[in-house]
PDB file of all heavy atoms in Angstrom:
ATOM      1  N   ARG A   1     -23.653  13.682 -12.505  1.00  0.00           N
ATOM      2  CA  ARG A   1     -23.147  14.391 -13.676  1.00  0.00           C
ATOM      3  C   ARG A   1     -24.158  14.364 -14.802  1.00  0.00           C
ATOM      4  O   ARG A   1     -24.938  13.427 -14.939  1.00  0.00           O
ATOM      5  CB  ARG A   1     -21.822  13.776 -14.140  1.00  0.00           C
ATOM      6  CG  ARG A   1     -21.915  12.312 -14.558  1.00  0.00           C
ATOM      7  CD  ARG A   1     -20.528  11.688 -14.703  1.00  0.00           C
ATOM      8  NE  ARG A   1     -19.783  12.270 -15.808  1.00  0.00           N
ATOM      9  CZ  ARG A   1     -18.476  12.141 -15.986  1.00  0.00           C
ATOM     10  NH1 ARG A   1     -17.761  11.451 -15.087  1.00  0.00           N
ATOM     11  NH2 ARG A   1     -17.882  12.695 -17.027  1.00  0.00           N
ATOM     12  N   ASP A   2     -24.137  15.404 -15.604  1.00  0.00           N
ATOM     13  CA  ASP A   2     -24.982  15.500 -16.777  1.00  0.00           C
ATOM     14  C   ASP A   2     -24.041  15.845 -17.922  1.00  0.00           C
ATOM     15  O   ASP A   2     -23.727  17.013 -18.137  1.00  0.00           O
ATOM     16  CB  ASP A   2     -26.054  16.575 -16.607  1.00  0.00           C
ATOM     17  CG  ASP A   2     -27.011  16.617 -17.785  1.00  0.00           C
ATOM     18  OD1 ASP A   2     -26.686  16.090 -18.856  1.00  0.00           O
ATOM     19  OD2 ASP A   2     -28.110  17.195 -17.630  1.00  0.00           O
ATOM     20  N   ASP A   3     -23.575  14.820 -18.615  1.00  0.00           N
ATOM     21  CA  ASP A   3     -22.602  15.030 -19.678  1.00  0.00           C
ATOM     22  C   ASP A   3     -23.157  15.823 -20.858  1.00  0.00           C
ATOM     23  O   ASP A   3     -22.404  16.470 -21.577  1.00  0.00           O
ATOM     24  CB  ASP A   3     -22.051  13.691 -20.164  1.00  0.00           C
ATOM     25  CG  ASP A   3     -21.138  13.033 -19.141  1.00  0.00           C
ATOM     26  OD1 ASP A   3     -20.717  13.727 -18.189  1.00  0.00           O
ATOM     27  OD2 ASP A   3     -20.836  11.835 -19.289  1.00  0.00           O
ATOM     28  N   SER A   4     -24.467  15.761 -21.064  1.00  0.00           N
ATOM     29  CA  SER A   4     -25.062  16.521 -22.152  1.00  0.00           C
ATOM     30  C   SER A   4     -24.922  18.014 -21.901  1.00  0.00           C
ATOM     31  O   SER A   4     -24.924  18.813 -22.834  1.00  0.00           O
ATOM     32  CB  SER A   4     -26.531  16.148 -22.346  1.00  0.00           C
ATOM     33  OG  SER A   4     -27.327  16.578 -21.256  1.00  0.00           O
ATOM     34  N   ARG A   5     -24.817  18.370 -20.639  1.00  0.00           N
ATOM     35  CA  ARG A   5     -24.661  19.772 -20.259  1.00  0.00           C
ATOM     36  C   ARG A   5     -23.253  20.064 -19.748  1.00  0.00           C
ATOM     37  O   ARG A   5     -22.962  21.193 -19.359  1.00  0.00           O
ATOM     38  CB  ARG A   5     -25.690  20.147 -19.198  1.00  0.00           C
ATOM     39  CG  ARG A   5     -27.122  20.133 -19.708  1.00  0.00           C
ATOM     40  CD  ARG A   5     -28.106  20.484 -18.598  1.00  0.00           C
ATOM     41  NE  ARG A   5     -29.445  20.715 -19.124  1.00  0.00           N
ATOM     42  CZ  ARG A   5     -30.285  19.759 -19.490  1.00  0.00           C
ATOM     43  NH1 ARG A   5     -29.932  18.482 -19.394  1.00  0.00           N
ATOM     44  NH2 ARG A   5     -31.493  20.065 -19.954  1.00  0.00           N
ATOM     45  N   MET A   6     -22.391  19.050 -19.750  1.00  0.00           N
ATOM     46  CA  MET A   6     -21.024  19.186 -19.265  1.00  0.00           C
ATOM     47  C   MET A   6     -21.012  19.802 -17.866  1.00  0.00           C
ATOM     48  O   MET A   6     -20.254  20.729 -17.572  1.00  0.00           O
ATOM     49  CB  MET A   6     -20.189  20.035 -20.228  1.00  0.00           C
ATOM     50  CG  MET A   6     -19.883  19.333 -21.545  1.00  0.00           C
ATOM     51  SD  MET A   6     -18.772  17.914 -21.295  1.00  0.00           S
ATOM     52  CE  MET A   6     -17.227  18.757 -20.934  1.00  0.00           C
ATOM     53  N   THR A   7     -21.865  19.260 -17.021  1.00  0.00           N
ATOM     54  CA  THR A   7     -22.000  19.788 -15.670  1.00  0.00           C
ATOM     55  C   THR A   7     -21.931  18.692 -14.616  1.00  0.00           C
ATOM     56  O   THR A   7     -22.512  17.615 -14.780  1.00  0.00           O
ATOM     57  CB  THR A   7     -23.320  20.559 -15.516  1.00  0.00           C
ATOM     58  OG1 THR A   7     -23.380  21.600 -16.501  1.00  0.00           O
ATOM     59  CG2 THR A   7     -23.417  21.189 -14.138  1.00  0.00           C
ATOM     60  N   LEU A   8     -21.222  18.981 -13.554  1.00  0.00           N
ATOM     61  CA  LEU A   8     -21.088  18.094 -12.411  1.00  0.00           C
ATOM     62  C   LEU A   8     -21.854  18.724 -11.259  1.00  0.00           C
ATOM     63  O   LEU A   8     -21.840  19.948 -11.097  1.00  0.00           O
ATOM     64  CB  LEU A   8     -19.611  17.943 -12.047  1.00  0.00           C
ATOM     65  CG  LEU A   8     -19.236  16.990 -10.915  1.00  0.00           C
ATOM     66  CD1 LEU A   8     -19.412  15.546 -11.375  1.00  0.00           C
ATOM     67  CD2 LEU A   8     -17.792  17.245 -10.487  1.00  0.00           C
ATOM     68  N   TYR A   9     -22.505  17.897 -10.465  1.00  0.00           N
ATOM     69  CA  TYR A   9     -23.296  18.407  -9.351  1.00  0.00           C
ATOM     70  C   TYR A   9     -22.897  17.759  -8.032  1.00  0.00           C
ATOM     71  O   TYR A   9     -22.387  16.647  -7.992  1.00  0.00           O
ATOM     72  CB  TYR A   9     -24.785  18.135  -9.565  1.00  0.00           C
ATOM     73  CG  TYR A   9     -25.355  18.721 -10.827  1.00  0.00           C
ATOM     74  CD1 TYR A   9     -25.511  17.931 -11.964  1.00  0.00           C
ATOM     75  CD2 TYR A   9     -25.747  20.052 -10.887  1.00  0.00           C
ATOM     76  CE1 TYR A   9     -26.042  18.457 -13.127  1.00  0.00           C
ATOM     77  CE2 TYR A   9     -26.276  20.586 -12.048  1.00  0.00           C
ATOM     78  CZ  TYR A   9     -26.426  19.789 -13.161  1.00  0.00           C
ATOM     79  OH  TYR A   9     -26.951  20.315 -14.318  1.00  0.00           O
ATOM     80  N   LEU A  10     -23.169  18.470  -6.959  1.00  0.00           N
ATOM     81  CA  LEU A  10     -22.990  17.915  -5.629  1.00  0.00           C
ATOM     82  C   LEU A  10     -24.183  18.368  -4.810  1.00  0.00           C
ATOM     83  O   LEU A  10     -24.303  19.548  -4.468  1.00  0.00           O
ATOM     84  CB  LEU A  10     -21.694  18.397  -4.972  1.00  0.00           C
ATOM     85  CG  LEU A  10     -21.414  17.774  -3.600  1.00  0.00           C
ATOM     86  CD1 LEU A  10     -21.137  16.275  -3.751  1.00  0.00           C
ATOM     87  CD2 LEU A  10     -20.233  18.454  -2.916  1.00  0.00           C
ATOM     88  N   GLN A  11     -25.074  17.432  -4.522  1.00  0.00           N
ATOM     89  CA  GLN A  11     -26.236  17.715  -3.698  1.00  0.00           C
ATOM     90  C   GLN A  11     -25.849  17.428  -2.263  1.00  0.00           C
ATOM     91  O   GLN A  11     -25.488  16.302  -1.929  1.00  0.00           O
ATOM     92  CB  GLN A  11     -27.422  16.840  -4.114  1.00  0.00           C
ATOM     93  CG  GLN A  11     -28.673  17.054  -3.278  1.00  0.00           C
ATOM     94  CD  GLN A  11     -29.258  18.440  -3.443  1.00  0.00           C
ATOM     95  OE1 GLN A  11     -29.472  18.901  -4.560  1.00  0.00           O
ATOM     96  NE2 GLN A  11     -29.501  19.123  -2.325  1.00  0.00           N
ATOM     97  N   MET A  12     -25.917  18.440  -1.423  1.00  0.00           N
ATOM     98  CA  MET A  12     -25.528  18.309  -0.033  1.00  0.00           C
ATOM     99  C   MET A  12     -26.744  18.475   0.867  1.00  0.00           C
ATOM    100  O   MET A  12     -27.517  19.411   0.701  1.00  0.00           O
ATOM    101  CB  MET A  12     -24.477  19.357   0.330  1.00  0.00           C
ATOM    102  CG  MET A  12     -23.246  19.348  -0.573  1.00  0.00           C
ATOM    103  SD  MET A  12     -22.031  20.602  -0.101  1.00  0.00           S
ATOM    104  CE  MET A  12     -22.921  22.092  -0.570  1.00  0.00           C
ATOM    105  N   SER A  13     -26.901  17.567   1.805  1.00  0.00           N
ATOM    106  CA  SER A  13     -28.004  17.640   2.746  1.00  0.00           C
ATOM    107  C   SER A  13     -27.464  17.506   4.161  1.00  0.00           C
ATOM    108  O   SER A  13     -26.349  17.032   4.368  1.00  0.00           O
ATOM    109  CB  SER A  13     -29.040  16.550   2.455  1.00  0.00           C
ATOM    110  OG  SER A  13     -28.485  15.265   2.642  1.00  0.00           O
ATOM    111  N   ASN A  14     -28.284  17.921   5.125  1.00  0.00           N
ATOM    112  CA  ASN A  14     -27.894  17.867   6.532  1.00  0.00           C
ATOM    113  C   ASN A  14     -26.489  18.421   6.735  1.00  0.00           C
ATOM    114  O   ASN A  14     -25.627  17.784   7.345  1.00  0.00           O
ATOM    115  CB  ASN A  14     -27.972  16.433   7.049  1.00  0.00           C
ATOM    116  CG  ASN A  14     -27.848  16.346   8.563  1.00  0.00           C
ATOM    117  OD1 ASN A  14     -28.159  17.300   9.273  1.00  0.00           O
ATOM    118  ND2 ASN A  14     -27.382  15.207   9.052  1.00  0.00           N
ATOM    119  N   LEU A  15     -26.284  19.616   6.244  1.00  0.00           N
ATOM    120  CA  LEU A  15     -24.969  20.241   6.346  1.00  0.00           C
ATOM    121  C   LEU A  15     -24.568  20.484   7.793  1.00  0.00           C
ATOM    122  O   LEU A  15     -25.397  20.799   8.643  1.00  0.00           O
ATOM    123  CB  LEU A  15     -24.950  21.543   5.561  1.00  0.00           C
ATOM    124  CG  LEU A  15     -24.869  21.347   4.046  1.00  0.00           C
ATOM    125  CD1 LEU A  15     -25.294  22.613   3.312  1.00  0.00           C
ATOM    126  CD2 LEU A  15     -23.447  20.951   3.657  1.00  0.00           C
ATOM    127  N   LYS A  16     -23.283  20.320   8.049  1.00  0.00           N
ATOM    128  CA  LYS A  16     -22.723  20.487   9.373  1.00  0.00           C
ATOM    129  C   LYS A  16     -21.645  21.563   9.362  1.00  0.00           C
ATOM    130  O   LYS A  16     -21.068  21.851   8.312  1.00  0.00           O
ATOM    131  CB  LYS A  16     -22.120  19.166   9.851  1.00  0.00           C
ATOM    132  CG  LYS A  16     -23.098  18.003   9.854  1.00  0.00           C
ATOM    133  CD  LYS A  16     -22.411  16.706  10.244  1.00  0.00           C
ATOM    134  CE  LYS A  16     -23.398  15.556  10.277  1.00  0.00           C
ATOM    135  NZ  LYS A  16     -22.748  14.281  10.669  1.00  0.00           N
ATOM    136  N   PRO A  17     -21.347  22.155  10.509  1.00  0.00           N
ATOM    137  CA  PRO A  17     -20.299  23.181  10.561  1.00  0.00           C
ATOM    138  C   PRO A  17     -18.971  22.708   9.971  1.00  0.00           C
ATOM    139  O   PRO A  17     -18.258  23.498   9.338  1.00  0.00           O
ATOM    140  CB  PRO A  17     -20.179  23.480  12.054  1.00  0.00           C
ATOM    141  CG  PRO A  17     -21.564  23.263  12.558  1.00  0.00           C
ATOM    142  CD  PRO A  17     -22.032  22.027  11.805  1.00  0.00           C
ATOM    143  N   GLU A  18     -18.637  21.447  10.159  1.00  0.00           N
ATOM    144  CA  GLU A  18     -17.386  20.926   9.634  1.00  0.00           C
ATOM    145  C   GLU A  18     -17.359  20.814   8.111  1.00  0.00           C
ATOM    146  O   GLU A  18     -16.319  20.515   7.524  1.00  0.00           O
ATOM    147  CB  GLU A  18     -17.051  19.559  10.254  1.00  0.00           C
ATOM    148  CG  GLU A  18     -18.178  18.549  10.160  1.00  0.00           C
ATOM    149  CD  GLU A  18     -18.995  18.470  11.438  1.00  0.00           C
ATOM    150  OE1 GLU A  18     -19.327  19.540  11.999  1.00  0.00           O
ATOM    151  OE2 GLU A  18     -19.300  17.345  11.883  1.00  0.00           O
ATOM    152  N   ASP A  19     -18.498  21.067   7.470  1.00  0.00           N
ATOM    153  CA  ASP A  19     -18.550  21.079   6.010  1.00  0.00           C
ATOM    154  C   ASP A  19     -18.096  22.422   5.457  1.00  0.00           C
ATOM    155  O   ASP A  19     -17.952  22.580   4.240  1.00  0.00           O
ATOM    156  CB  ASP A  19     -19.963  20.773   5.508  1.00  0.00           C
ATOM    157  CG  ASP A  19     -20.415  19.362   5.826  1.00  0.00           C
ATOM    158  OD1 ASP A  19     -19.594  18.428   5.704  1.00  0.00           O
ATOM    159  OD2 ASP A  19     -21.595  19.190   6.193  1.00  0.00           O
ATOM    160  N   THR A  20     -17.897  23.383   6.326  1.00  0.00           N
ATOM    161  CA  THR A  20     -17.456  24.703   5.895  1.00  0.00           C
ATOM    162  C   THR A  20     -16.110  24.600   5.190  1.00  0.00           C
ATOM    163  O   THR A  20     -15.131  24.112   5.754  1.00  0.00           O
ATOM    164  CB  THR A  20     -17.342  25.655   7.096  1.00  0.00           C
ATOM    165  OG1 THR A  20     -18.636  25.866   7.660  1.00  0.00           O
ATOM    166  CG2 THR A  20     -16.775  27.003   6.662  1.00  0.00           C
ATOM    167  N   ALA A  21     -16.068  25.057   3.952  1.00  0.00           N
ATOM    168  CA  ALA A  21     -14.858  24.956   3.138  1.00  0.00           C
ATOM    169  C   ALA A  21     -15.103  25.582   1.782  1.00  0.00           C
ATOM    170  O   ALA A  21     -16.226  25.932   1.435  1.00  0.00           O
ATOM    171  CB  ALA A  21     -14.459  23.485   2.957  1.00  0.00           C
ATOM    172  N   VAL A  22     -14.027  25.695   1.017  1.00  0.00           N
ATOM    173  CA  VAL A  22     -14.151  26.101  -0.375  1.00  0.00           C
ATOM    174  C   VAL A  22     -14.225  24.800  -1.166  1.00  0.00           C
ATOM    175  O   VAL A  22     -13.367  23.927  -1.003  1.00  0.00           O
ATOM    176  CB  VAL A  22     -12.950  26.938  -0.852  1.00  0.00           C
ATOM    177  CG1 VAL A  22     -13.091  27.263  -2.340  1.00  0.00           C
ATOM    178  CG2 VAL A  22     -12.859  28.230  -0.044  1.00  0.00           C
ATOM    179  N   TYR A  23     -15.230  24.671  -1.993  1.00  0.00           N
ATOM    180  CA  TYR A  23     -15.439  23.456  -2.765  1.00  0.00           C
ATOM    181  C   TYR A  23     -14.989  23.631  -4.208  1.00  0.00           C
ATOM    182  O   TYR A  23     -15.301  24.632  -4.851  1.00  0.00           O
ATOM    183  CB  TYR A  23     -16.918  23.056  -2.724  1.00  0.00           C
ATOM    184  CG  TYR A  23     -17.326  22.472  -1.395  1.00  0.00           C
ATOM    185  CD1 TYR A  23     -17.408  23.277  -0.257  1.00  0.00           C
ATOM    186  CD2 TYR A  23     -17.614  21.108  -1.264  1.00  0.00           C
ATOM    187  CE1 TYR A  23     -17.751  22.740   0.976  1.00  0.00           C
ATOM    188  CE2 TYR A  23     -17.962  20.568  -0.037  1.00  0.00           C
ATOM    189  CZ  TYR A  23     -18.035  21.389   1.080  1.00  0.00           C
ATOM    190  OH  TYR A  23     -18.381  20.849   2.299  1.00  0.00           O
ATOM    191  N   TYR A  24     -14.251  22.640  -4.695  1.00  0.00           N
ATOM    192  CA  TYR A  24     -13.722  22.659  -6.052  1.00  0.00           C
ATOM    193  C   TYR A  24     -14.102  21.385  -6.794  1.00  0.00           C
ATOM    194  O   TYR A  24     -14.348  20.349  -6.184  1.00  0.00           O
ATOM    195  CB  TYR A  24     -12.194  22.722  -6.051  1.00  0.00           C
ATOM    196  CG  TYR A  24     -11.577  23.866  -5.297  1.00  0.00           C
ATOM    197  CD1 TYR A  24     -11.291  23.754  -3.939  1.00  0.00           C
ATOM    198  CD2 TYR A  24     -11.245  25.041  -5.954  1.00  0.00           C
ATOM    199  CE1 TYR A  24     -10.698  24.796  -3.245  1.00  0.00           C
ATOM    200  CE2 TYR A  24     -10.644  26.089  -5.268  1.00  0.00           C
ATOM    201  CZ  TYR A  24     -10.370  25.959  -3.916  1.00  0.00           C
ATOM    202  OH  TYR A  24      -9.776  26.994  -3.243  1.00  0.00           O
ATOM    203  N   CYS A  25     -14.117  21.461  -8.104  1.00  0.00           N
ATOM    204  CA  CYS A  25     -14.290  20.265  -8.908  1.00  0.00           C
ATOM    205  C   CYS A  25     -13.047  20.117  -9.775  1.00  0.00           C
ATOM    206  O   CYS A  25     -12.377  21.089 -10.099  1.00  0.00           O
ATOM    207  CB  CYS A  25     -15.552  20.343  -9.783  1.00  0.00           C
ATOM    208  SG  CYS A  25     -15.580  21.715 -10.967  1.00  0.00           S
ATOM    209  N   ASN A  26     -12.723  18.891 -10.130  1.00  0.00           N
ATOM    210  CA  ASN A  26     -11.575  18.619 -10.980  1.00  0.00           C
ATOM    211  C   ASN A  26     -11.599  17.142 -11.346  1.00  0.00           C
ATOM    212  O   ASN A  26     -12.454  16.393 -10.883  1.00  0.00           O
ATOM    213  CB  ASN A  26     -10.262  18.973 -10.288  1.00  0.00           C
ATOM    214  CG  ASN A  26      -9.198  19.453 -11.257  1.00  0.00           C
ATOM    215  OD1 ASN A  26      -9.093  18.950 -12.383  1.00  0.00           O
ATOM    216  ND2 ASN A  26      -8.406  20.433 -10.837  1.00  0.00           N
ATOM    217  N   ALA A  27     -10.651  16.735 -12.172  1.00  0.00           N
ATOM    218  CA  ALA A  27     -10.537  15.325 -12.514  1.00  0.00           C
ATOM    219  C   ALA A  27     -10.224  14.550 -11.244  1.00  0.00           C
ATOM    220  O   ALA A  27      -9.638  15.092 -10.306  1.00  0.00           O
ATOM    221  CB  ALA A  27      -9.445  15.111 -13.556  1.00  0.00           C
ATOM    222  N   ASP A  28     -10.602  13.291 -11.218  1.00  0.00           N
ATOM    223  CA  ASP A  28     -10.432  12.462 -10.040  1.00  0.00           C
ATOM    224  C   ASP A  28      -8.974  12.117  -9.751  1.00  0.00           C
ATOM    225  O   ASP A  28      -8.635  11.800  -8.605  1.00  0.00           O
ATOM    226  CB  ASP A  28     -11.252  11.175 -10.198  1.00  0.00           C
ATOM    227  CG  ASP A  28     -11.280  10.340  -8.943  1.00  0.00           C
ATOM    228  OD1 ASP A  28     -11.426  10.927  -7.843  1.00  0.00           O
ATOM    229  OD2 ASP A  28     -11.172   9.107  -9.043  1.00  0.00           O
ATOM    230  N   SER A  29      -8.124  12.170 -10.751  1.00  0.00           N
ATOM    231  CA  SER A  29      -6.727  11.809 -10.553  1.00  0.00           C
ATOM    232  C   SER A  29      -5.781  12.944 -10.909  1.00  0.00           C
ATOM    233  O   SER A  29      -6.037  13.732 -11.816  1.00  0.00           O
ATOM    234  CB  SER A  29      -6.361  10.575 -11.379  1.00  0.00           C
ATOM    235  OG  SER A  29      -6.306  10.886 -12.761  1.00  0.00           O
ATOM    236  N   ALA A  30      -4.666  12.998 -10.197  1.00  0.00           N
ATOM    237  CA  ALA A  30      -3.653  14.017 -10.465  1.00  0.00           C
ATOM    238  C   ALA A  30      -3.047  13.806 -11.852  1.00  0.00           C
ATOM    239  O   ALA A  30      -2.675  14.773 -12.521  1.00  0.00           O
ATOM    240  CB  ALA A  30      -2.570  13.966  -9.397  1.00  0.00           C
ATOM    241  N   ALA A  31      -2.946  12.559 -12.276  1.00  0.00           N
ATOM    242  CA  ALA A  31      -2.381  12.250 -13.584  1.00  0.00           C
ATOM    243  C   ALA A  31      -3.216  12.868 -14.695  1.00  0.00           C
ATOM    244  O   ALA A  31      -2.687  13.483 -15.622  1.00  0.00           O
ATOM    245  CB  ALA A  31      -2.274  10.741 -13.771  1.00  0.00           C
ATOM    246  N   LEU A  32      -4.517  12.699 -14.607  1.00  0.00           N
ATOM    247  CA  LEU A  32      -5.390  13.262 -15.625  1.00  0.00           C
ATOM    248  C   LEU A  32      -5.383  14.787 -15.559  1.00  0.00           C
ATOM    249  O   LEU A  32      -5.431  15.457 -16.585  1.00  0.00           O
ATOM    250  CB  LEU A  32      -6.813  12.732 -15.469  1.00  0.00           C
ATOM    251  CG  LEU A  32      -7.769  13.032 -16.625  1.00  0.00           C
ATOM    252  CD1 LEU A  32      -7.191  12.530 -17.937  1.00  0.00           C
ATOM    253  CD2 LEU A  32      -9.117  12.367 -16.370  1.00  0.00           C
ATOM    254  N   GLN A  33      -5.316  15.312 -14.359  1.00  0.00           N
ATOM    255  CA  GLN A  33      -5.244  16.763 -14.194  1.00  0.00           C
ATOM    256  C   GLN A  33      -4.020  17.298 -14.921  1.00  0.00           C
ATOM    257  O   GLN A  33      -4.082  18.335 -15.582  1.00  0.00           O
ATOM    258  CB  GLN A  33      -5.182  17.140 -12.713  1.00  0.00           C
ATOM    259  CG  GLN A  33      -6.462  16.869 -11.947  1.00  0.00           C
ATOM    260  CD  GLN A  33      -6.280  17.050 -10.457  1.00  0.00           C
ATOM    261  OE1 GLN A  33      -5.354  17.720 -10.007  1.00  0.00           O
ATOM    262  NE2 GLN A  33      -7.160  16.448  -9.679  1.00  0.00           N
ATOM    263  N   ALA A  34      -2.905  16.587 -14.810  1.00  0.00           N
ATOM    264  CA  ALA A  34      -1.660  17.011 -15.439  1.00  0.00           C
ATOM    265  C   ALA A  34      -1.728  16.892 -16.954  1.00  0.00           C
ATOM    266  O   ALA A  34      -1.344  17.811 -17.678  1.00  0.00           O
ATOM    267  CB  ALA A  34      -0.496  16.192 -14.895  1.00  0.00           C
ATOM    268  N   VAL A  35      -2.199  15.758 -17.443  1.00  0.00           N
ATOM    269  CA  VAL A  35      -2.290  15.530 -18.882  1.00  0.00           C
ATOM    270  C   VAL A  35      -3.186  16.567 -19.542  1.00  0.00           C
ATOM    271  O   VAL A  35      -2.882  17.067 -20.625  1.00  0.00           O
ATOM    272  CB  VAL A  35      -2.822  14.117 -19.184  1.00  0.00           C
ATOM    273  CG1 VAL A  35      -3.194  13.989 -20.655  1.00  0.00           C
ATOM    274  CG2 VAL A  35      -1.782  13.076 -18.806  1.00  0.00           C
ATOM    275  N   CYS A  36      -4.273  16.877 -18.901  1.00  0.00           N
ATOM    276  CA  CYS A  36      -5.225  17.833 -19.444  1.00  0.00           C
ATOM    277  C   CYS A  36      -4.937  19.279 -19.041  1.00  0.00           C
ATOM    278  O   CYS A  36      -5.661  20.182 -19.450  1.00  0.00           O
ATOM    279  CB  CYS A  36      -6.637  17.458 -19.006  1.00  0.00           C
ATOM    280  SG  CYS A  36      -7.252  15.934 -19.732  1.00  0.00           S
ATOM    281  N   GLU A  37      -3.912  19.452 -18.234  1.00  0.00           N
ATOM    282  CA  GLU A  37      -3.549  20.784 -17.744  1.00  0.00           C
ATOM    283  C   GLU A  37      -4.768  21.469 -17.140  1.00  0.00           C
ATOM    284  O   GLU A  37      -5.093  22.614 -17.470  1.00  0.00           O
ATOM    285  CB  GLU A  37      -2.945  21.621 -18.872  1.00  0.00           C
ATOM    286  CG  GLU A  37      -1.671  21.035 -19.437  1.00  0.00           C
ATOM    287  CD  GLU A  37      -1.024  21.903 -20.499  1.00  0.00           C
ATOM    288  OE1 GLU A  37      -1.761  22.560 -21.264  1.00  0.00           O
ATOM    289  OE2 GLU A  37       0.214  21.933 -20.557  1.00  0.00           O
ATOM    290  N   MET A  38      -5.412  20.735 -16.256  1.00  0.00           N
ATOM    291  CA  MET A  38      -6.610  21.244 -15.623  1.00  0.00           C
ATOM    292  C   MET A  38      -6.255  22.063 -14.389  1.00  0.00           C
ATOM    293  O   MET A  38      -5.794  21.528 -13.387  1.00  0.00           O
ATOM    294  CB  MET A  38      -7.537  20.088 -15.250  1.00  0.00           C
ATOM    295  CG  MET A  38      -8.004  19.299 -16.467  1.00  0.00           C
ATOM    296  SD  MET A  38      -8.926  17.798 -16.061  1.00  0.00           S
ATOM    297  CE  MET A  38     -10.494  18.498 -15.532  1.00  0.00           C
ATOM    298  N   GLU A  39      -6.468  23.337 -14.492  1.00  0.00           N
ATOM    299  CA  GLU A  39      -6.184  24.242 -13.391  1.00  0.00           C
ATOM    300  C   GLU A  39      -7.336  24.233 -12.401  1.00  0.00           C
ATOM    301  O   GLU A  39      -8.478  23.952 -12.763  1.00  0.00           O
ATOM    302  CB  GLU A  39      -5.976  25.660 -13.915  1.00  0.00           C
ATOM    303  CG  GLU A  39      -4.826  25.809 -14.896  1.00  0.00           C
ATOM    304  CD  GLU A  39      -3.476  25.657 -14.234  1.00  0.00           C
ATOM    305  OE1 GLU A  39      -3.370  25.945 -13.029  1.00  0.00           O
ATOM    306  OE2 GLU A  39      -2.523  25.251 -14.922  1.00  0.00           O
ATOM    307  N   TRP A  40      -7.018  24.533 -11.161  1.00  0.00           N
ATOM    308  CA  TRP A  40      -8.049  24.653 -10.153  1.00  0.00           C
ATOM    309  C   TRP A  40      -8.799  25.950 -10.384  1.00  0.00           C
ATOM    310  O   TRP A  40      -8.191  26.992 -10.643  1.00  0.00           O
ATOM    311  CB  TRP A  40      -7.456  24.648  -8.742  1.00  0.00           C
ATOM    312  CG  TRP A  40      -6.828  23.340  -8.404  1.00  0.00           C
ATOM    313  CD1 TRP A  40      -5.516  22.998  -8.501  1.00  0.00           C
ATOM    314  CD2 TRP A  40      -7.513  22.170  -7.926  1.00  0.00           C
ATOM    315  NE1 TRP A  40      -5.330  21.690  -8.111  1.00  0.00           N
ATOM    316  CE2 TRP A  40      -6.527  21.160  -7.752  1.00  0.00           C
ATOM    317  CE3 TRP A  40      -8.848  21.884  -7.628  1.00  0.00           C
ATOM    318  CZ2 TRP A  40      -6.855  19.876  -7.286  1.00  0.00           C
ATOM    319  CZ3 TRP A  40      -9.170  20.611  -7.169  1.00  0.00           C
ATOM    320  CH2 TRP A  40      -8.177  19.628  -7.007  1.00  0.00           C
ATOM    321  N   GLY A  41     -10.114  25.878 -10.282  1.00  0.00           N
ATOM    322  CA  GLY A  41     -10.922  27.065 -10.468  1.00  0.00           C
ATOM    323  C   GLY A  41     -10.944  27.903  -9.212  1.00  0.00           C
ATOM    324  O   GLY A  41     -10.166  27.678  -8.277  1.00  0.00           O
ATOM    325  N   GLN A  42     -11.842  28.870  -9.177  1.00  0.00           N
ATOM    326  CA  GLN A  42     -11.952  29.735  -8.009  1.00  0.00           C
ATOM    327  C   GLN A  42     -12.598  29.012  -6.838  1.00  0.00           C
ATOM    328  O   GLN A  42     -12.416  29.403  -5.688  1.00  0.00           O
ATOM    329  CB  GLN A  42     -12.771  30.978  -8.355  1.00  0.00           C
ATOM    330  CG  GLN A  42     -12.097  31.901  -9.363  1.00  0.00           C
ATOM    331  CD  GLN A  42     -10.836  32.514  -8.816  1.00  0.00           C
ATOM    332  OE1 GLN A  42     -10.832  33.050  -7.705  1.00  0.00           O
ATOM    333  NE2 GLN A  42      -9.760  32.443  -9.587  1.00  0.00           N
ATOM    334  N   GLY A  43     -13.349  27.962  -7.147  1.00  0.00           N
ATOM    335  CA  GLY A  43     -14.047  27.249  -6.098  1.00  0.00           C
ATOM    336  C   GLY A  43     -15.274  28.039  -5.670  1.00  0.00           C
ATOM    337  O   GLY A  43     -15.493  29.168  -6.110  1.00  0.00           O
TER     338      GLY A  43
END
């Protein structure tokens, strides 16, 4: 994470077919998601 830029990153290497998916970012806990009313993005 780079808080100065308010950006989260995921560096992925040696990708495998089973990694195929829609990837989303959000708060780590459902409680915080609820308190902050954090909606899921488009992914």
